[in-house]
C-alpha cells in the first residue's frame, strides 16, 4: 500500500496520530525504538507528510533562499553549479528545500533579498561572494535574519556566520612552490570587482613575497571586470606578450588560469616549458584542459553542504554565538607548473 495519510499510518501502527507526528519530527521525548518503527513504516508505506500543515505548526516555511543574478544567456559559472548542488544536497539531509530567487537585469540583489526575507518565503538565506562592504550582510544583520555567508568581510570584527576557504595560505603556498622551482618573475591575473576574496588571495601572495625578502622577485598584476571576457583576455595578453614576460602566472581562480592556458597556446608558448600556470578552485575543467591545470581544491560542493548544516543550526538557534569555519584548500599538482625556463635560469 502507498500514499497513507497520517491517521491511516497511525492506525496501522496502533499508536496515536500525535505520536506518529512527533516521531517523524524526531522528538526525543518519543522512545528511539518507536521513532525508528514509525520512520520505517512511513518509508515502507509511502507516507508523505503534509508540509503545509507542519509549517503552520512550526511557524516556518521549510525553505532556504538563494539570490542569484541573471547574467545573460551565454553565462557559465562553474562555482555556482558546484555550490548549488552541494547546498541542495545538504538541505535535503535536514528536511529543508532550496529555492532560488533570480535577479533580473536592472534590479539590485538587495531588493530581491529584501523581498525574500520580508515575504516570509524563507527561514534563512545563504549569501555567496562577499563584497568589501556588503550591503546584503548589513541588511541581514540589522534584521537579525538567519543566514550563513560563503566568504568573509574585510572587517573581521563583524559578528556573522560564515564559511570560507583559507585562500591566503593557498596563494602563499603557490608562491613558495614556484619560487622553489626557480621562478622570480610572477604574474597575477586578478579582477577589478570589489570582492573580499580578491583582497585575501592577493594578500596571501604579496605577504609570501615579502616574507621571502628577495629583491629579485617581480610581481606584475593585471585585472579586469570578472564577467567581461574580452577585457580579461586583453589583460592576460599584456602579460603574455610583455617584453619581459613572467615565467609563472597565477589566476585568482580557475577560469582565469584556464584562459591563461588558452592564450599561451595561441601565442605559441608551451606550458610548463615556457610558462607555469596555477589556479584556484579545482573546477571540473581544470583536470581536462591540456596539460592539466595545477590548482587548489577549495571543496566548493562540500563547503556548501556544510553551510546547509550550519544554517539549519542557526535557524534552530543551536548557538548564541556566530558560527565560523575556515577550510584549508589542498594543492592539486598537475602538469601546468614546472621549473623556470632554462633560458631564464642562465641569465
Protein backbone atom coordinates (compact mmCIF):
# COMPACT_ATOMS: atom_id res chain seq x y z
CA UNK A 1 0.00 0.00 0.00
CA UNK A 2 1.23 3.53 -0.77
CA UNK A 3 0.12 7.05 -0.04
CA UNK A 4 -1.19 6.56 3.50
CA UNK A 5 -2.43 9.57 5.43
CA UNK A 6 -1.05 10.35 8.87
CA UNK A 7 -4.18 8.94 10.51
CA UNK A 8 -4.02 5.74 8.43
CA UNK A 9 -0.34 5.28 9.29
CA UNK A 10 -1.12 5.74 12.99
CA UNK A 11 -3.95 3.19 12.80
CA UNK A 12 -1.72 0.65 11.08
CA UNK A 13 0.90 1.04 13.84
CA UNK A 14 -1.73 1.14 16.60
CA UNK A 15 -0.42 4.40 18.06
CA UNK A 16 -1.86 7.89 18.29
CA UNK A 17 -1.66 10.42 15.47
CA UNK A 18 0.29 12.70 17.79
CA UNK A 19 2.88 10.00 18.46
CA UNK A 20 3.42 9.42 14.75
CA UNK A 21 3.74 13.15 14.07
CA UNK A 22 6.23 13.69 16.90
CA UNK A 23 8.20 10.58 15.98
CA UNK A 24 8.58 11.72 12.37
CA UNK A 25 9.78 15.14 13.52
CA UNK A 26 12.47 13.47 15.64
CA UNK A 27 11.03 14.47 19.02
CA UNK A 28 13.43 12.99 21.65
CA UNK A 29 10.52 12.59 24.05
CA UNK A 30 9.40 9.67 21.86
CA UNK A 31 11.35 6.47 22.52
CA UNK A 32 14.07 5.76 19.96
CA UNK A 33 12.60 2.35 19.08
CA UNK A 34 9.22 3.95 18.43
CA UNK A 35 10.77 6.64 16.24
CA UNK A 36 12.64 4.02 14.23
CA UNK A 37 9.50 1.89 13.89
CA UNK A 38 7.41 4.85 12.71
CA UNK A 39 10.08 6.02 10.27
CA UNK A 40 10.48 2.56 8.79
CA UNK A 41 6.72 2.19 8.36
CA UNK A 42 6.43 5.64 6.77
CA UNK A 43 9.06 4.68 4.20
CA UNK A 44 7.53 1.28 3.60
CA UNK A 45 4.00 2.58 3.02
CA UNK A 46 4.97 5.72 1.14
CA UNK A 47 3.72 8.24 3.68
CA UNK A 48 4.39 11.82 2.59
CA UNK A 49 3.95 14.43 5.34
CA UNK A 50 1.66 17.37 4.83
CA UNK A 51 4.33 20.03 4.60
CA UNK A 52 1.90 22.94 4.74
CA UNK A 53 0.36 21.70 7.98
CA UNK A 54 3.76 21.12 9.52
CA UNK A 55 4.88 24.60 8.54
CA UNK A 56 1.83 26.11 10.25
CA UNK A 57 2.68 24.26 13.45
CA UNK A 58 6.37 25.16 13.40
CA UNK A 59 5.91 28.70 12.08
CA UNK A 60 8.46 28.07 9.31
CA UNK A 61 8.39 27.85 5.54
CA UNK A 62 10.76 24.88 5.24
CA UNK A 63 12.77 26.73 2.58
CA UNK A 64 16.18 28.35 2.39
CA UNK A 65 16.65 31.16 -0.10
CA UNK A 66 19.49 31.86 -2.52
CA UNK A 67 19.52 35.07 -4.54
CA UNK A 68 21.14 34.65 -7.95
CA UNK A 69 21.71 37.41 -10.53
CA UNK A 70 20.87 36.60 -14.15
CA UNK A 71 23.91 37.48 -16.27
CA UNK A 72 22.80 36.60 -19.79
CA UNK A 73 22.12 33.53 -21.97
CA UNK A 74 25.80 32.63 -22.51
CA UNK A 75 26.84 32.99 -18.89
CA UNK A 76 28.64 29.99 -17.39
CA UNK A 77 29.65 29.88 -13.74
CA UNK A 78 31.33 26.68 -12.57
CA UNK A 79 31.36 27.89 -8.97
CA UNK A 80 27.58 28.29 -8.83
CA UNK A 81 26.95 24.86 -10.31
CA UNK A 82 29.10 23.13 -7.70
CA UNK A 83 27.86 25.31 -4.87
CA UNK A 84 24.13 24.97 -5.55
CA UNK A 85 24.44 21.21 -5.96
CA UNK A 86 26.09 20.85 -2.57
CA UNK A 87 23.70 23.30 -0.91
CA UNK A 88 20.65 21.46 -2.18
CA UNK A 89 22.06 18.12 -1.07
CA UNK A 90 22.86 19.44 2.39
CA UNK A 91 19.44 20.99 2.94
CA UNK A 92 17.58 17.84 1.86
CA UNK A 93 19.51 15.90 4.50
CA UNK A 94 17.97 18.22 7.09
CA UNK A 95 14.44 18.10 5.71
CA UNK A 96 14.57 21.53 4.06
CA UNK A 97 14.38 22.71 0.47
CA UNK A 98 16.24 25.31 -1.55
CA UNK A 99 14.60 27.94 -3.67
CA UNK A 100 16.43 30.31 -5.98
CA UNK A 101 15.28 33.90 -6.40
CA UNK A 102 16.69 35.34 -9.60
CA UNK A 103 17.73 38.96 -10.01
CA UNK A 104 16.76 40.28 -13.46
CA UNK A 105 18.85 42.86 -15.24
CA UNK A 106 18.30 46.33 -13.86
CA UNK A 107 17.31 45.19 -10.38
CA UNK A 108 19.59 45.01 -7.34
CA UNK A 109 20.38 41.85 -5.40
CA UNK A 110 19.44 43.67 -2.21
CA UNK A 111 15.92 44.44 -3.41
CA UNK A 112 15.31 40.79 -4.26
CA UNK A 113 16.82 39.69 -0.96
CA UNK A 114 14.52 42.09 0.91
CA UNK A 115 11.52 40.57 -0.84
CA UNK A 116 12.63 37.03 0.06
CA UNK A 117 13.08 37.95 3.72
CA UNK A 118 10.06 40.19 4.21
CA UNK A 119 7.65 37.92 2.35
CA UNK A 120 8.36 35.10 4.79
CA UNK A 121 9.19 32.72 1.96
CA UNK A 122 12.42 31.55 3.59
CA UNK A 123 13.54 30.57 7.07
CA UNK A 124 17.10 31.61 6.24
CA UNK A 125 19.32 32.53 3.32
CA UNK A 126 22.78 31.70 2.03
CA UNK A 127 24.86 34.61 0.75
CA UNK A 128 27.73 33.89 -1.70
CA UNK A 129 30.63 36.03 -2.93
CA UNK A 130 31.02 38.61 -0.24
CA UNK A 131 31.93 42.18 -1.21
CA UNK A 132 34.35 44.51 0.53
CA UNK A 133 31.40 46.34 2.07
CA UNK A 134 28.44 44.07 1.55
CA UNK A 135 25.03 45.71 1.83
CA UNK A 136 23.34 42.31 1.86
CA UNK A 137 25.10 41.28 5.06
CA UNK A 138 24.47 44.67 6.66
CA UNK A 139 20.75 44.30 5.95
CA UNK A 140 20.55 40.71 7.25
CA UNK A 141 22.47 41.54 10.42
CA UNK A 142 20.24 44.53 11.05
CA UNK A 143 17.13 42.36 10.58
CA UNK A 144 18.70 39.55 12.65
CA UNK A 145 17.57 37.15 9.96
CA UNK A 146 19.21 33.70 9.86
CA UNK A 147 21.95 33.46 7.24
CA UNK A 148 25.35 31.96 6.51
CA UNK A 149 27.80 33.60 4.13
CA UNK A 150 30.24 31.80 1.86
CA UNK A 151 33.06 34.21 2.48
CA UNK A 152 34.14 36.93 4.91
CA UNK A 153 34.20 40.68 5.19
CA UNK A 154 37.44 42.65 5.33
CA UNK A 155 36.21 43.88 8.72
CA UNK A 156 36.88 40.74 10.73
CA UNK A 157 35.10 42.16 13.80
CA UNK A 158 31.64 41.95 12.19
CA UNK A 159 29.65 39.22 14.03
CA UNK A 160 28.03 36.90 11.50
CA UNK A 161 28.01 33.25 10.41
CA UNK A 162 30.40 32.30 7.63
CA UNK A 163 32.41 29.55 5.99
CA UNK A 164 35.37 30.36 3.78
CA UNK A 165 38.43 28.79 2.17
CA UNK A 166 41.80 29.87 3.53
CA UNK A 167 42.96 31.32 0.24
CA UNK A 168 45.57 33.48 1.97
CA UNK A 169 47.61 30.40 2.86
CA UNK A 170 46.89 28.78 -0.53
CA UNK A 171 48.31 31.69 -2.52
CA UNK A 172 51.32 31.80 -0.23
CA UNK A 173 51.82 28.09 -0.89
CA UNK A 174 51.54 28.67 -4.65
CA UNK A 175 54.30 31.28 -4.48
CA UNK A 176 56.56 29.08 -2.36
CA UNK A 177 56.05 26.17 -4.78
CA UNK A 178 57.00 28.23 -7.81
CA UNK A 179 59.84 30.07 -6.05
CA UNK A 180 61.42 26.74 -5.12
CA UNK A 181 61.37 25.87 -8.84
CA UNK A 182 63.45 28.94 -9.64
CA UNK A 183 60.74 31.41 -10.65
CA UNK A 184 61.37 35.04 -9.75
CA UNK A 185 59.11 36.90 -12.19
CA UNK A 186 55.43 36.33 -11.38
CA UNK A 187 52.19 37.44 -12.94
CA UNK A 188 48.82 37.58 -11.20
CA UNK A 189 45.56 37.70 -13.16
CA UNK A 190 43.01 39.28 -10.84
CA UNK A 191 39.62 41.01 -11.03
CA UNK A 192 38.68 44.64 -10.59
CA UNK A 193 35.44 43.86 -8.74
CA UNK A 194 35.36 44.90 -5.04
CA UNK A 195 35.27 41.33 -3.67
CA UNK A 196 36.77 40.23 -0.38
CA UNK A 197 38.27 37.05 -1.82
CA UNK A 198 40.28 39.15 -4.29
CA UNK A 199 41.94 41.02 -1.43
CA UNK A 200 42.61 37.87 0.60
CA UNK A 201 44.23 35.99 -2.29
CA UNK A 202 46.30 38.95 -3.37
CA UNK A 203 47.33 39.46 0.26
CA UNK A 204 48.44 35.85 0.55
CA UNK A 205 50.69 36.21 -2.49
CA UNK A 206 52.13 39.59 -1.52
CA UNK A 207 52.77 38.52 2.08
CA UNK A 208 54.63 35.41 0.88
CA UNK A 209 56.80 37.56 -1.39
CA UNK A 210 57.52 39.94 1.49
CA UNK A 211 58.46 37.12 3.85
CA UNK A 212 60.94 35.78 1.30
CA UNK A 213 62.78 39.10 1.33
CA UNK A 214 64.24 38.59 -2.14
CA UNK A 215 64.65 41.90 -4.00
CA UNK A 216 64.90 39.95 -7.27
CA UNK A 217 61.22 38.91 -7.14
CA UNK A 218 58.95 40.79 -9.55
CA UNK A 219 55.14 40.70 -9.44
CA UNK A 220 53.05 42.04 -12.34
CA UNK A 221 49.33 42.30 -11.62
CA UNK A 222 46.59 42.72 -14.25
CA UNK A 223 42.86 42.82 -13.64
CA UNK A 224 39.54 43.15 -15.44
CA UNK A 225 35.84 43.05 -14.53
CA UNK A 226 35.02 39.49 -13.55
CA UNK A 227 32.37 38.80 -16.17
CA UNK A 228 33.97 40.73 -19.04
CA UNK A 229 35.79 38.04 -21.02
CA UNK A 230 37.08 40.45 -23.65
CA UNK A 231 38.74 42.65 -21.04
CA UNK A 232 40.10 39.56 -19.26
CA UNK A 233 41.71 38.21 -22.45
CA UNK A 234 43.23 41.61 -23.19
CA UNK A 235 44.66 41.86 -19.66
CA UNK A 236 46.19 38.39 -19.88
CA UNK A 237 47.80 39.18 -23.19
CA UNK A 238 49.56 42.19 -21.70
CA UNK A 239 51.41 39.68 -19.50
CA UNK A 240 51.99 37.04 -22.14
CA UNK A 241 53.25 39.47 -24.78
CA UNK A 242 55.25 41.72 -22.47
CA UNK A 243 58.86 42.38 -23.45
CA UNK A 244 59.84 40.71 -20.17
CA UNK A 245 57.22 38.04 -19.70
CA UNK A 246 56.56 36.48 -16.28
CA UNK A 247 57.75 32.88 -16.08
CA UNK A 248 54.83 31.94 -13.82
CA UNK A 249 51.26 33.26 -13.84
CA UNK A 250 48.71 32.64 -11.09
CA UNK A 251 45.00 33.04 -11.78
CA UNK A 252 42.81 34.36 -8.98
CA UNK A 253 40.52 31.43 -9.79
CA UNK A 254 40.50 28.59 -12.29
CA UNK A 255 38.52 30.27 -15.07
CA UNK A 256 41.24 32.94 -15.25
CA UNK A 257 44.05 30.38 -15.15
CA UNK A 258 42.37 28.34 -17.89
CA UNK A 259 42.13 31.47 -20.03
CA UNK A 260 45.87 31.97 -19.49
CA UNK A 261 46.44 28.43 -20.83
CA UNK A 262 44.31 29.21 -23.90
CA UNK A 263 46.08 32.48 -24.65
CA UNK A 264 49.53 30.97 -24.03
CA UNK A 265 48.77 28.23 -26.54
CA UNK A 266 47.54 30.80 -29.04
CA UNK A 267 50.81 32.69 -28.58
CA UNK A 268 52.85 29.55 -29.29
CA UNK A 269 54.04 29.10 -25.71
CA UNK A 270 54.47 25.65 -24.21
CA UNK A 271 53.16 25.08 -20.69
CA UNK A 272 55.06 24.40 -18.47
CA UNK A 273 58.29 24.59 -20.51
CA UNK A 274 57.91 28.31 -21.31
CA UNK A 275 55.35 29.33 -18.71
CA UNK A 276 54.00 27.86 -15.47
CA UNK A 277 50.31 28.43 -14.63
CA UNK A 278 48.47 27.86 -11.34
CA UNK A 279 44.77 28.37 -10.49
CA UNK A 280 42.42 28.06 -7.55
CA UNK A 281 39.12 26.15 -7.04
CA UNK A 282 39.74 22.86 -8.89
CA UNK A 283 36.69 23.11 -11.11
CA UNK A 284 35.99 20.08 -13.30
CA UNK A 285 37.53 21.64 -16.42
CA UNK A 286 40.87 22.09 -14.64
CA UNK A 287 41.64 18.37 -14.90
CA UNK A 288 40.90 18.16 -18.62
CA UNK A 289 42.36 21.35 -20.06
CA UNK A 290 45.76 20.48 -21.55
CA UNK A 291 48.21 19.97 -19.96
CA UNK A 292 46.12 19.67 -16.76
CA UNK A 293 45.89 22.72 -14.50
CA UNK A 294 47.75 22.79 -11.20
CA UNK A 295 45.30 24.33 -8.75
CA UNK A 296 43.91 24.23 -5.22
CA UNK A 297 40.91 22.19 -4.18
CA UNK A 298 38.54 24.64 -2.46
CA UNK A 299 35.92 21.95 -1.70
CA UNK A 300 33.09 24.12 -3.04
CA UNK A 301 30.46 21.39 -3.08
CA UNK A 302 31.40 20.01 0.35
CA UNK A 303 31.57 23.54 1.75
CA UNK A 304 28.03 24.21 0.52
CA UNK A 305 26.83 21.06 2.29
CA UNK A 306 28.49 22.27 5.49
CA UNK A 307 26.89 25.69 5.06
CA UNK A 308 23.50 24.00 4.81
CA UNK A 309 24.08 22.24 8.13
CA UNK A 310 25.36 25.47 9.70
CA UNK A 311 22.29 27.38 8.55
CA UNK A 312 19.88 24.78 9.92
CA UNK A 313 21.64 25.16 13.27
CA UNK A 314 21.32 28.94 13.06
CA UNK A 315 17.61 28.68 12.23
CA UNK A 316 17.09 26.34 15.18
CA UNK A 317 19.15 28.67 17.40
CA UNK A 318 21.59 25.98 18.48
CA UNK A 319 24.28 28.56 19.27
CA UNK A 320 24.12 32.10 20.65
CA UNK A 321 27.48 32.98 19.07
CA UNK A 322 28.34 33.39 15.38
CA UNK A 323 29.42 30.14 13.77
CA UNK A 324 32.53 30.35 11.58
CA UNK A 325 34.61 27.82 9.67
CA UNK A 326 37.86 28.20 7.72
CA UNK A 327 38.55 25.40 5.23
CA UNK A 328 42.12 24.56 4.21
CA UNK A 329 42.49 24.19 0.40
CA UNK A 330 44.62 21.32 -0.87
CA UNK A 331 47.21 21.66 -3.64
CA UNK A 332 46.29 19.58 -6.70
CA UNK A 333 49.59 19.29 -8.57
CA UNK A 334 49.06 18.58 -12.26
CA UNK A 335 51.20 19.35 -15.30
CA UNK A 336 50.89 23.12 -15.76
CA UNK A 337 53.79 24.08 -13.48
CA UNK A 338 57.47 23.29 -13.67
CA UNK A 339 60.98 24.71 -13.31
CA UNK A 340 61.83 28.18 -14.54
CA UNK A 341 62.77 28.07 -18.26
CA UNK A 342 66.44 27.24 -18.88
CA UNK A 343 66.94 30.42 -20.91
CA UNK A 344 65.93 32.45 -17.87
CA UNK A 345 67.91 30.30 -15.46
CA UNK A 346 71.12 31.00 -17.38
CA UNK A 347 70.67 34.77 -17.25
